[in-house]
Amino acid sequence: MSNNKSVSMLTPGITLSGVAIVAIAAYLQHYSIFEWLLIVLGSIILFWILGAIITAMIRSFINGNQERARIAEEQAAKEQEEEEVAGENEDIPLDMRNQK
């Protein structure tokens, strides 16, 4: 579950990183305060959406892997059960197997 927490922090991390770079670049370009605020607010929205999309893609990938692992475990357990039943049938004489 700690993996899930790190994925949930991905959106804010992407947002903060991206907006920090854009804010510094806009400041160094000597935009007025009003223009700088518009750029930063637009960047917040843009990077939040981008982070949410990336987070959803990663969660989908993780959930898909977990589902495939669960199915593989169930199939392995089923095969093991079938092998045990087949092993039990080997001890029974051939003419008695059909009577069971």
C-alpha atoms as a PDB file:
ATOM      1  CA  MET A   1       0.000   0.000   0.000  1.00  0.00           C
ATOM      2  CA  SER A   2       2.957   2.386   0.409  1.00  0.00           C
ATOM      3  CA  ASN A   3       3.253   2.202  -3.370  1.00  0.00           C
ATOM      4  CA  ASN A   4      -0.277   3.618  -3.614  1.00  0.00           C
ATOM      5  CA  LYS A   5       0.682   6.578  -1.413  1.00  0.00           C
ATOM      6  CA  SER A   6       3.651   7.438  -3.604  1.00  0.00           C
ATOM      7  CA  VAL A   7       1.421   7.318  -6.687  1.00  0.00           C
ATOM      8  CA  SER A   8      -1.109   9.635  -5.037  1.00  0.00           C
ATOM      9  CA  MET A   9       1.653  12.190  -4.447  1.00  0.00           C
ATOM     10  CA  LEU A  10       2.593  12.190  -8.130  1.00  0.00           C
ATOM     11  CA  THR A  11       0.013  14.782  -9.221  1.00  0.00           C
ATOM     12  CA  PRO A  12       1.035  17.431  -6.656  1.00  0.00           C
ATOM     13  CA  GLY A  13       4.698  16.708  -7.337  1.00  0.00           C
ATOM     14  CA  ILE A  14       4.323  17.204 -11.080  1.00  0.00           C
ATOM     15  CA  THR A  15       2.259  20.336 -10.491  1.00  0.00           C
ATOM     16  CA  LEU A  16       4.719  21.922  -8.076  1.00  0.00           C
ATOM     17  CA  SER A  17       7.753  21.075 -10.180  1.00  0.00           C
ATOM     18  CA  GLY A  18       6.262  22.315 -13.433  1.00  0.00           C
ATOM     19  CA  VAL A  19       4.798  25.492 -11.988  1.00  0.00           C
ATOM     20  CA  ALA A  20       8.063  26.319 -10.185  1.00  0.00           C
ATOM     21  CA  ILE A  21       9.977  26.160 -13.463  1.00  0.00           C
ATOM     22  CA  VAL A  22       7.351  28.208 -15.320  1.00  0.00           C
ATOM     23  CA  ALA A  23       7.141  30.779 -12.501  1.00  0.00           C
ATOM     24  CA  ILE A  24      10.912  31.276 -12.433  1.00  0.00           C
ATOM     25  CA  ALA A  25      11.073  31.515 -16.225  1.00  0.00           C
ATOM     26  CA  ALA A  26       8.215  34.056 -16.280  1.00  0.00           C
ATOM     27  CA  TYR A  27       9.882  36.077 -13.518  1.00  0.00           C
ATOM     28  CA  LEU A  28      13.188  36.145 -15.414  1.00  0.00           C
ATOM     29  CA  GLN A  29      11.346  37.368 -18.542  1.00  0.00           C
ATOM     30  CA  HIS A  30      10.226  40.444 -16.513  1.00  0.00           C
ATOM     31  CA  TYR A  31       6.483  39.973 -16.988  1.00  0.00           C
ATOM     32  CA  SER A  32       4.235  42.306 -15.018  1.00  0.00           C
ATOM     33  CA  ILE A  33       2.718  40.917 -11.815  1.00  0.00           C
ATOM     34  CA  PHE A  34      -0.694  40.486 -13.440  1.00  0.00           C
ATOM     35  CA  GLU A  35       0.719  38.623 -16.447  1.00  0.00           C
ATOM     36  CA  TRP A  36       2.954  36.538 -14.148  1.00  0.00           C
ATOM     37  CA  LEU A  37      -0.045  35.541 -12.015  1.00  0.00           C
ATOM     38  CA  LEU A  38      -2.054  34.561 -15.100  1.00  0.00           C
ATOM     39  CA  ILE A  39       0.837  32.456 -16.375  1.00  0.00           C
ATOM     40  CA  VAL A  40       1.303  30.756 -12.991  1.00  0.00           C
ATOM     41  CA  LEU A  41      -2.433  30.069 -12.536  1.00  0.00           C
ATOM     42  CA  GLY A  42      -2.692  28.682 -16.066  1.00  0.00           C
ATOM     43  CA  SER A  43       0.352  26.527 -15.407  1.00  0.00           C
ATOM     44  CA  ILE A  44      -1.181  25.183 -12.194  1.00  0.00           C
ATOM     45  CA  ILE A  45      -4.279  24.056 -14.074  1.00  0.00           C
ATOM     46  CA  LEU A  46      -2.281  22.615 -16.969  1.00  0.00           C
ATOM     47  CA  PHE A  47       0.184  20.689 -14.812  1.00  0.00           C
ATOM     48  CA  TRP A  48      -2.550  19.464 -12.445  1.00  0.00           C
ATOM     49  CA  ILE A  49      -4.437  17.959 -15.394  1.00  0.00           C
ATOM     50  CA  LEU A  50      -1.231  16.478 -16.791  1.00  0.00           C
ATOM     51  CA  GLY A  51      -0.359  14.995 -13.368  1.00  0.00           C
ATOM     52  CA  ALA A  52      -3.849  13.541 -12.959  1.00  0.00           C
ATOM     53  CA  ILE A  53      -3.634  11.850 -16.368  1.00  0.00           C
ATOM     54  CA  ILE A  54      -0.204  10.381 -15.615  1.00  0.00           C
ATOM     55  CA  THR A  55      -1.349   9.213 -12.176  1.00  0.00           C
ATOM     56  CA  ALA A  56      -4.418   7.523 -13.676  1.00  0.00           C
ATOM     57  CA  MET A  57      -2.259   5.757 -16.260  1.00  0.00           C
ATOM     58  CA  ILE A  58       0.156   4.484 -13.594  1.00  0.00           C
ATOM     59  CA  ARG A  59      -2.678   3.314 -11.323  1.00  0.00           C
ATOM     60  CA  SER A  60      -4.277   1.506 -14.253  1.00  0.00           C
ATOM     61  CA  PHE A  61      -0.968  -0.213 -15.011  1.00  0.00           C
ATOM     62  CA  ILE A  62      -0.486  -1.222 -11.349  1.00  0.00           C
ATOM     63  CA  ASN A  63      -4.062  -2.519 -11.032  1.00  0.00           C
ATOM     64  CA  GLY A  64      -3.707  -4.481 -14.268  1.00  0.00           C
ATOM     65  CA  ASN A  65      -0.517  -6.124 -13.021  1.00  0.00           C
ATOM     66  CA  GLN A  66      -2.152  -6.995  -9.694  1.00  0.00           C
ATOM     67  CA  GLU A  67      -5.150  -8.509 -11.494  1.00  0.00           C
ATOM     68  CA  ARG A  68      -2.897 -10.613 -13.760  1.00  0.00           C
ATOM     69  CA  ALA A  69      -0.911 -11.813 -10.725  1.00  0.00           C
ATOM     70  CA  ARG A  70      -4.131 -12.778  -8.903  1.00  0.00           C
ATOM     71  CA  ILE A  71      -5.391 -14.724 -11.931  1.00  0.00           C
ATOM     72  CA  ALA A  72      -2.040 -16.511 -12.281  1.00  0.00           C
ATOM     73  CA  GLU A  73      -2.127 -17.504  -8.578  1.00  0.00           C
ATOM     74  CA  GLU A  74      -5.674 -18.840  -8.910  1.00  0.00           C
ATOM     75  CA  GLN A  75      -4.738 -20.815 -12.001  1.00  0.00           C
ATOM     76  CA  ALA A  76      -1.654 -22.276 -10.288  1.00  0.00           C
ATOM     77  CA  ALA A  77      -3.747 -23.289  -7.279  1.00  0.00           C
ATOM     78  CA  LYS A  78      -6.318 -24.920  -9.573  1.00  0.00           C
ATOM     79  CA  GLU A  79      -3.601 -26.845 -11.436  1.00  0.00           C
ATOM     80  CA  GLN A  80      -2.065 -28.003  -8.169  1.00  0.00           C
ATOM     81  CA  GLU A  81      -5.472 -29.184  -6.985  1.00  0.00           C
ATOM     82  CA  GLU A  82      -5.981 -31.103 -10.236  1.00  0.00           C
ATOM     83  CA  GLU A  83      -2.552 -32.725  -9.862  1.00  0.00           C
ATOM     84  CA  GLU A  84      -3.416 -33.830  -6.330  1.00  0.00           C
ATOM     85  CA  VAL A  85      -6.683 -35.380  -7.530  1.00  0.00           C
ATOM     86  CA  ALA A  86      -4.825 -37.110 -10.376  1.00  0.00           C
ATOM     87  CA  GLY A  87      -2.240 -38.398  -7.884  1.00  0.00           C
ATOM     88  CA  GLU A  88      -4.980 -39.866  -5.713  1.00  0.00           C
ATOM     89  CA  ASN A  89      -6.477 -41.658  -8.733  1.00  0.00           C
ATOM     90  CA  GLU A  90      -3.166 -43.370  -9.487  1.00  0.00           C
ATOM     91  CA  ASP A  91      -3.415 -45.371  -6.248  1.00  0.00           C
ATOM     92  CA  ILE A  92      -6.798 -46.798  -7.242  1.00  0.00           C
ATOM     93  CA  PRO A  93      -6.792 -49.865  -9.542  1.00  0.00           C
ATOM     94  CA  LEU A  94      -8.026 -49.190 -13.081  1.00  0.00           C
ATOM     95  CA  ASP A  95     -11.176 -51.289 -12.733  1.00  0.00           C
ATOM     96  CA  MET A  96     -12.173 -49.397  -9.538  1.00  0.00           C
ATOM     97  CA  ARG A  97     -11.658 -45.849 -10.921  1.00  0.00           C
ATOM     98  CA  ASN A  98     -14.871 -45.899 -12.948  1.00  0.00           C
ATOM     99  CA  GLN A  99     -16.926 -47.042  -9.966  1.00  0.00           C
ATOM    100  CA  LYS A 100     -15.924 -44.007  -7.936  1.00  0.00           C
END
